[in-house]
Amino acid sequence: FAQIDFSGPTRGNVELRASRSFARNLAASILGSDASAVTDVQSEEALRELANIVGGSVITALGGSDCRFSLGLPRLGRAPELGADTACILDAEGERLEVHCHHARAA
C-alpha cells in the first residue's frame, strides 16, 4: 500500500494497493534487473514512485492547464478499509494493482 495526498481546489489522496510480486516486478522493470535480485526496500521505493506518478497524473487531470494543486510525498502503510470515489483494479501479468482516488472540496 502506498498513498500520496494532494491539495488545492479539492483535496484528497491516491492510494495504490499492490501485491508484493507486483511491487517486486515493478522495481525490476525500473532497475532493469531480475525480480529475484530486487530487495523489499527497492520494491517499496518503486511503489512509492508509482504513487508519485499516478498522483501527478490525477492532479493534472483535475487541474487542467491551470493546475493549482500541491502534491505531498508518497508514503507506505497498510491500506485502510475505506470506500473510494474512484477505483481501478488492474491485472498486470497476473499480479493485482488497485488504484483508489478519494477527494473532496477544500475548505
N, C-alpha and C. Protein backbone atom coordinates (compact mmCIF):
# COMPACT_ATOMS: atom_id res chain seq x y z
N PHE A 1 0.84 -1.17 0.00
CA PHE A 1 0.00 0.00 0.00
C PHE A 1 0.88 1.24 0.00
N ALA A 2 0.65 2.14 -0.94
CA ALA A 2 1.32 3.44 -0.96
C ALA A 2 0.25 4.51 -1.14
N GLN A 3 0.46 5.65 -0.54
CA GLN A 3 -0.52 6.73 -0.60
C GLN A 3 0.20 8.05 -0.80
N ILE A 4 -0.45 8.95 -1.55
CA ILE A 4 0.07 10.30 -1.73
C ILE A 4 -1.12 11.26 -1.64
N ASP A 5 -0.96 12.33 -0.86
CA ASP A 5 -2.01 13.33 -0.68
C ASP A 5 -1.85 14.46 -1.68
N PHE A 6 -2.97 15.10 -2.01
CA PHE A 6 -2.93 16.31 -2.83
C PHE A 6 -3.87 17.34 -2.23
N SER A 7 -3.59 18.61 -2.50
CA SER A 7 -4.44 19.69 -2.01
C SER A 7 -4.49 20.79 -3.06
N GLY A 8 -5.50 21.60 -2.97
CA GLY A 8 -5.75 22.68 -3.92
C GLY A 8 -7.23 22.98 -3.92
N PRO A 9 -7.84 23.24 -5.08
CA PRO A 9 -9.29 23.47 -5.13
C PRO A 9 -10.08 22.28 -4.57
N THR A 10 -9.55 21.09 -4.69
CA THR A 10 -10.06 19.91 -3.99
C THR A 10 -8.87 19.28 -3.29
N ARG A 11 -9.15 18.50 -2.29
CA ARG A 11 -8.06 17.81 -1.57
C ARG A 11 -8.41 16.34 -1.49
N GLY A 12 -7.41 15.52 -1.34
CA GLY A 12 -7.66 14.09 -1.24
C GLY A 12 -6.38 13.31 -1.31
N ASN A 13 -6.49 12.07 -1.74
CA ASN A 13 -5.30 11.23 -1.85
C ASN A 13 -5.52 10.17 -2.92
N VAL A 14 -4.42 9.62 -3.34
CA VAL A 14 -4.41 8.50 -4.27
C VAL A 14 -3.73 7.36 -3.52
N GLU A 15 -4.39 6.21 -3.54
CA GLU A 15 -3.86 5.02 -2.88
C GLU A 15 -3.58 3.95 -3.91
N LEU A 16 -2.45 3.31 -3.78
CA LEU A 16 -2.12 2.15 -4.61
C LEU A 16 -2.02 0.95 -3.69
N ARG A 17 -2.73 -0.10 -4.04
CA ARG A 17 -2.66 -1.36 -3.30
C ARG A 17 -2.17 -2.41 -4.28
N ALA A 18 -1.05 -3.01 -3.96
CA ALA A 18 -0.43 -3.95 -4.89
C ALA A 18 0.06 -5.18 -4.15
N SER A 19 0.09 -6.28 -4.87
CA SER A 19 0.69 -7.49 -4.30
C SER A 19 2.20 -7.28 -4.20
N ARG A 20 2.82 -8.04 -3.33
CA ARG A 20 4.29 -7.94 -3.19
C ARG A 20 4.97 -8.28 -4.52
N SER A 21 4.42 -9.25 -5.23
CA SER A 21 5.01 -9.63 -6.51
C SER A 21 4.91 -8.52 -7.52
N PHE A 22 3.78 -7.79 -7.53
CA PHE A 22 3.65 -6.66 -8.43
C PHE A 22 4.74 -5.62 -8.13
N ALA A 23 4.92 -5.28 -6.85
CA ALA A 23 5.92 -4.28 -6.47
C ALA A 23 7.33 -4.75 -6.84
N ARG A 24 7.60 -6.02 -6.64
CA ARG A 24 8.92 -6.58 -6.98
C ARG A 24 9.16 -6.51 -8.49
N ASN A 25 8.14 -6.88 -9.27
CA ASN A 25 8.27 -6.82 -10.74
C ASN A 25 8.39 -5.38 -11.23
N LEU A 26 7.68 -4.46 -10.59
CA LEU A 26 7.78 -3.04 -10.94
C LEU A 26 9.20 -2.55 -10.71
N ALA A 27 9.75 -2.86 -9.54
CA ALA A 27 11.13 -2.44 -9.23
C ALA A 27 12.12 -3.05 -10.22
N ALA A 28 11.93 -4.32 -10.56
CA ALA A 28 12.83 -4.97 -11.52
C ALA A 28 12.77 -4.27 -12.87
N SER A 29 11.57 -3.87 -13.29
CA SER A 29 11.43 -3.16 -14.57
C SER A 29 12.12 -1.80 -14.53
N ILE A 30 11.96 -1.09 -13.41
CA ILE A 30 12.59 0.23 -13.28
C ILE A 30 14.11 0.10 -13.26
N LEU A 31 14.60 -0.90 -12.53
CA LEU A 31 16.04 -1.07 -12.35
C LEU A 31 16.70 -1.85 -13.49
N GLY A 32 15.88 -2.48 -14.34
CA GLY A 32 16.45 -3.28 -15.42
C GLY A 32 17.15 -4.52 -14.90
N SER A 33 16.58 -5.12 -13.84
CA SER A 33 17.20 -6.31 -13.26
C SER A 33 16.17 -7.43 -13.17
N ASP A 34 16.61 -8.56 -12.69
CA ASP A 34 15.74 -9.70 -12.50
C ASP A 34 14.97 -9.51 -11.19
N ALA A 35 13.70 -9.90 -11.16
CA ALA A 35 12.87 -9.72 -9.97
C ALA A 35 13.46 -10.42 -8.75
N SER A 36 14.15 -11.53 -8.95
CA SER A 36 14.74 -12.26 -7.82
C SER A 36 15.88 -11.48 -7.16
N ALA A 37 16.44 -10.49 -7.86
CA ALA A 37 17.53 -9.69 -7.30
C ALA A 37 17.04 -8.43 -6.58
N VAL A 38 15.73 -8.16 -6.63
CA VAL A 38 15.16 -6.94 -6.04
C VAL A 38 14.92 -7.14 -4.55
N THR A 39 15.31 -6.15 -3.75
CA THR A 39 15.08 -6.21 -2.30
C THR A 39 13.70 -5.66 -1.96
N ASP A 40 13.25 -5.93 -0.73
CA ASP A 40 11.97 -5.38 -0.27
C ASP A 40 12.00 -3.85 -0.28
N VAL A 41 13.12 -3.27 0.10
CA VAL A 41 13.25 -1.81 0.12
C VAL A 41 13.11 -1.25 -1.30
N GLN A 42 13.72 -1.88 -2.27
CA GLN A 42 13.60 -1.43 -3.66
C GLN A 42 12.16 -1.56 -4.15
N SER A 43 11.48 -2.62 -3.74
CA SER A 43 10.07 -2.81 -4.11
C SER A 43 9.21 -1.69 -3.53
N GLU A 44 9.46 -1.35 -2.28
CA GLU A 44 8.70 -0.28 -1.62
C GLU A 44 8.97 1.07 -2.28
N GLU A 45 10.23 1.33 -2.62
CA GLU A 45 10.57 2.59 -3.29
C GLU A 45 9.90 2.68 -4.66
N ALA A 46 9.83 1.58 -5.37
CA ALA A 46 9.19 1.57 -6.68
C ALA A 46 7.70 1.85 -6.56
N LEU A 47 7.05 1.28 -5.56
CA LEU A 47 5.62 1.51 -5.35
C LEU A 47 5.36 2.97 -4.97
N ARG A 48 6.22 3.54 -4.13
CA ARG A 48 6.09 4.96 -3.78
C ARG A 48 6.27 5.83 -5.02
N GLU A 49 7.21 5.49 -5.87
CA GLU A 49 7.43 6.27 -7.10
C GLU A 49 6.22 6.17 -8.02
N LEU A 50 5.62 4.98 -8.12
CA LEU A 50 4.42 4.84 -8.94
C LEU A 50 3.28 5.69 -8.36
N ALA A 51 3.16 5.75 -7.03
CA ALA A 51 2.15 6.60 -6.39
C ALA A 51 2.39 8.06 -6.75
N ASN A 52 3.65 8.48 -6.78
CA ASN A 52 4.00 9.85 -7.16
C ASN A 52 3.59 10.13 -8.60
N ILE A 53 3.84 9.21 -9.49
CA ILE A 53 3.49 9.37 -10.91
C ILE A 53 1.98 9.44 -11.09
N VAL A 54 1.27 8.50 -10.47
CA VAL A 54 -0.19 8.47 -10.60
C VAL A 54 -0.80 9.72 -9.94
N GLY A 55 -0.28 10.11 -8.79
CA GLY A 55 -0.77 11.33 -8.13
C GLY A 55 -0.58 12.56 -9.00
N GLY A 56 0.55 12.66 -9.66
CA GLY A 56 0.78 13.77 -10.59
C GLY A 56 -0.20 13.76 -11.74
N SER A 57 -0.52 12.59 -12.24
CA SER A 57 -1.50 12.48 -13.33
C SER A 57 -2.90 12.88 -12.85
N VAL A 58 -3.24 12.51 -11.62
CA VAL A 58 -4.56 12.85 -11.08
C VAL A 58 -4.70 14.36 -10.93
N ILE A 59 -3.70 15.03 -10.37
CA ILE A 59 -3.86 16.48 -10.19
C ILE A 59 -3.82 17.21 -11.52
N THR A 60 -3.11 16.68 -12.50
CA THR A 60 -3.14 17.28 -13.83
C THR A 60 -4.52 17.13 -14.45
N ALA A 61 -5.13 15.96 -14.27
CA ALA A 61 -6.49 15.74 -14.79
C ALA A 61 -7.50 16.62 -14.07
N LEU A 62 -7.35 16.80 -12.76
CA LEU A 62 -8.27 17.63 -12.00
C LEU A 62 -8.07 19.12 -12.28
N GLY A 63 -6.81 19.54 -12.46
CA GLY A 63 -6.50 20.95 -12.58
C GLY A 63 -6.40 21.48 -13.99
N GLY A 64 -6.29 20.61 -14.96
CA GLY A 64 -6.16 21.07 -16.34
C GLY A 64 -4.87 21.84 -16.57
N SER A 65 -4.92 22.77 -17.53
CA SER A 65 -3.71 23.52 -17.88
C SER A 65 -3.33 24.54 -16.81
N ASP A 66 -4.28 24.93 -15.96
CA ASP A 66 -4.02 25.89 -14.89
C ASP A 66 -4.05 25.15 -13.55
N CYS A 67 -3.16 24.18 -13.42
CA CYS A 67 -3.15 23.29 -12.26
C CYS A 67 -2.65 24.03 -11.01
N ARG A 68 -3.52 24.16 -10.02
CA ARG A 68 -3.17 24.84 -8.77
C ARG A 68 -3.22 23.86 -7.60
N PHE A 69 -2.59 22.74 -7.79
CA PHE A 69 -2.57 21.70 -6.78
C PHE A 69 -1.16 21.51 -6.24
N SER A 70 -1.10 21.02 -5.03
CA SER A 70 0.16 20.60 -4.42
C SER A 70 0.09 19.10 -4.18
N LEU A 71 1.21 18.46 -4.36
CA LEU A 71 1.29 17.02 -4.17
C LEU A 71 2.23 16.74 -3.02
N GLY A 72 1.79 15.91 -2.07
CA GLY A 72 2.63 15.56 -0.93
C GLY A 72 3.68 14.53 -1.31
N LEU A 73 4.31 13.99 -0.30
CA LEU A 73 5.30 12.93 -0.51
C LEU A 73 4.62 11.57 -0.36
N PRO A 74 4.95 10.64 -1.24
CA PRO A 74 4.34 9.31 -1.12
C PRO A 74 4.85 8.59 0.12
N ARG A 75 3.95 7.82 0.72
CA ARG A 75 4.32 7.07 1.92
C ARG A 75 3.73 5.67 1.84
N LEU A 76 4.31 4.79 2.63
CA LEU A 76 3.84 3.41 2.69
C LEU A 76 2.99 3.22 3.92
N GLY A 77 2.16 2.22 3.90
CA GLY A 77 1.35 1.90 5.07
C GLY A 77 0.41 0.77 4.73
N ARG A 78 -0.44 0.45 5.67
CA ARG A 78 -1.46 -0.57 5.45
C ARG A 78 -2.69 0.11 4.90
N ALA A 79 -3.30 -0.52 3.94
CA ALA A 79 -4.49 0.03 3.30
C ALA A 79 -5.66 0.06 4.28
N PRO A 80 -6.27 1.24 4.48
CA PRO A 80 -7.46 1.29 5.33
C PRO A 80 -8.65 0.70 4.59
N GLU A 81 -9.63 0.28 5.30
CA GLU A 81 -10.84 -0.28 4.68
C GLU A 81 -11.83 0.85 4.44
N LEU A 82 -11.56 1.69 3.48
CA LEU A 82 -12.42 2.82 3.14
C LEU A 82 -12.94 2.67 1.74
N GLY A 83 -14.10 3.24 1.48
CA GLY A 83 -14.60 3.30 0.12
C GLY A 83 -13.82 4.34 -0.66
N ALA A 84 -13.91 4.31 -1.95
CA ALA A 84 -13.18 5.25 -2.79
C ALA A 84 -14.15 5.98 -3.71
N ASP A 85 -13.83 7.21 -4.04
CA ASP A 85 -14.62 7.93 -5.01
C ASP A 85 -14.44 7.32 -6.39
N THR A 86 -13.21 6.96 -6.70
CA THR A 86 -12.89 6.35 -7.98
C THR A 86 -11.93 5.20 -7.72
N ALA A 87 -12.16 4.08 -8.36
CA ALA A 87 -11.28 2.93 -8.18
C ALA A 87 -11.04 2.25 -9.51
N CYS A 88 -9.84 1.70 -9.65
CA CYS A 88 -9.47 0.96 -10.84
C CYS A 88 -8.68 -0.25 -10.38
N ILE A 89 -9.04 -1.42 -10.85
CA ILE A 89 -8.32 -2.64 -10.49
C ILE A 89 -7.72 -3.21 -11.76
N LEU A 90 -6.41 -3.42 -11.73
CA LEU A 90 -5.67 -3.88 -12.90
C LEU A 90 -5.05 -5.24 -12.65
N ASP A 91 -4.96 -6.02 -13.71
CA ASP A 91 -4.23 -7.28 -13.69
C ASP A 91 -2.98 -7.05 -14.53
N ALA A 92 -1.84 -7.03 -13.88
CA ALA A 92 -0.57 -6.79 -14.57
C ALA A 92 0.23 -8.09 -14.55
N GLU A 93 0.13 -8.82 -15.65
CA GLU A 93 0.82 -10.10 -15.79
C GLU A 93 0.51 -11.03 -14.63
N GLY A 94 -0.77 -11.08 -14.27
CA GLY A 94 -1.20 -11.98 -13.21
C GLY A 94 -1.09 -11.43 -11.81
N GLU A 95 -0.58 -10.21 -11.65
CA GLU A 95 -0.46 -9.58 -10.34
C GLU A 95 -1.44 -8.42 -10.25
N ARG A 96 -1.97 -8.18 -9.08
CA ARG A 96 -3.03 -7.20 -8.87
C ARG A 96 -2.49 -5.83 -8.45
N LEU A 97 -3.05 -4.79 -9.06
CA LEU A 97 -2.80 -3.40 -8.66
C LEU A 97 -4.14 -2.71 -8.58
N GLU A 98 -4.43 -2.11 -7.43
CA GLU A 98 -5.64 -1.32 -7.24
C GLU A 98 -5.23 0.14 -7.10
N VAL A 99 -5.96 1.03 -7.78
CA VAL A 99 -5.75 2.46 -7.66
C VAL A 99 -7.05 3.06 -7.16
N HIS A 100 -6.99 3.76 -6.04
CA HIS A 100 -8.16 4.39 -5.43
C HIS A 100 -7.89 5.89 -5.30
N CYS A 101 -8.86 6.70 -5.63
CA CYS A 101 -8.73 8.15 -5.51
C CYS A 101 -9.89 8.68 -4.67
N HIS A 102 -9.55 9.36 -3.57
CA HIS A 102 -10.55 9.99 -2.70
C HIS A 102 -10.35 11.49 -2.82
N HIS A 103 -11.44 12.25 -2.96
CA HIS A 103 -11.28 13.70 -2.95
C HIS A 103 -12.56 14.39 -2.52
N ALA A 104 -12.37 15.61 -1.99
CA ALA A 104 -13.48 16.44 -1.54
C ALA A 104 -13.09 17.89 -1.74
N ARG A 105 -14.06 18.78 -1.82
CA ARG A 105 -13.78 20.20 -1.95
C ARG A 105 -12.94 20.67 -0.78
N ALA A 106 -11.95 21.49 -1.06
CA ALA A 106 -11.12 22.05 0.01
C ALA A 106 -11.94 23.06 0.81
N ALA A 107 -11.66 23.13 2.09
CA ALA A 107 -12.39 24.05 2.98
C ALA A 107 -11.92 25.48 2.82
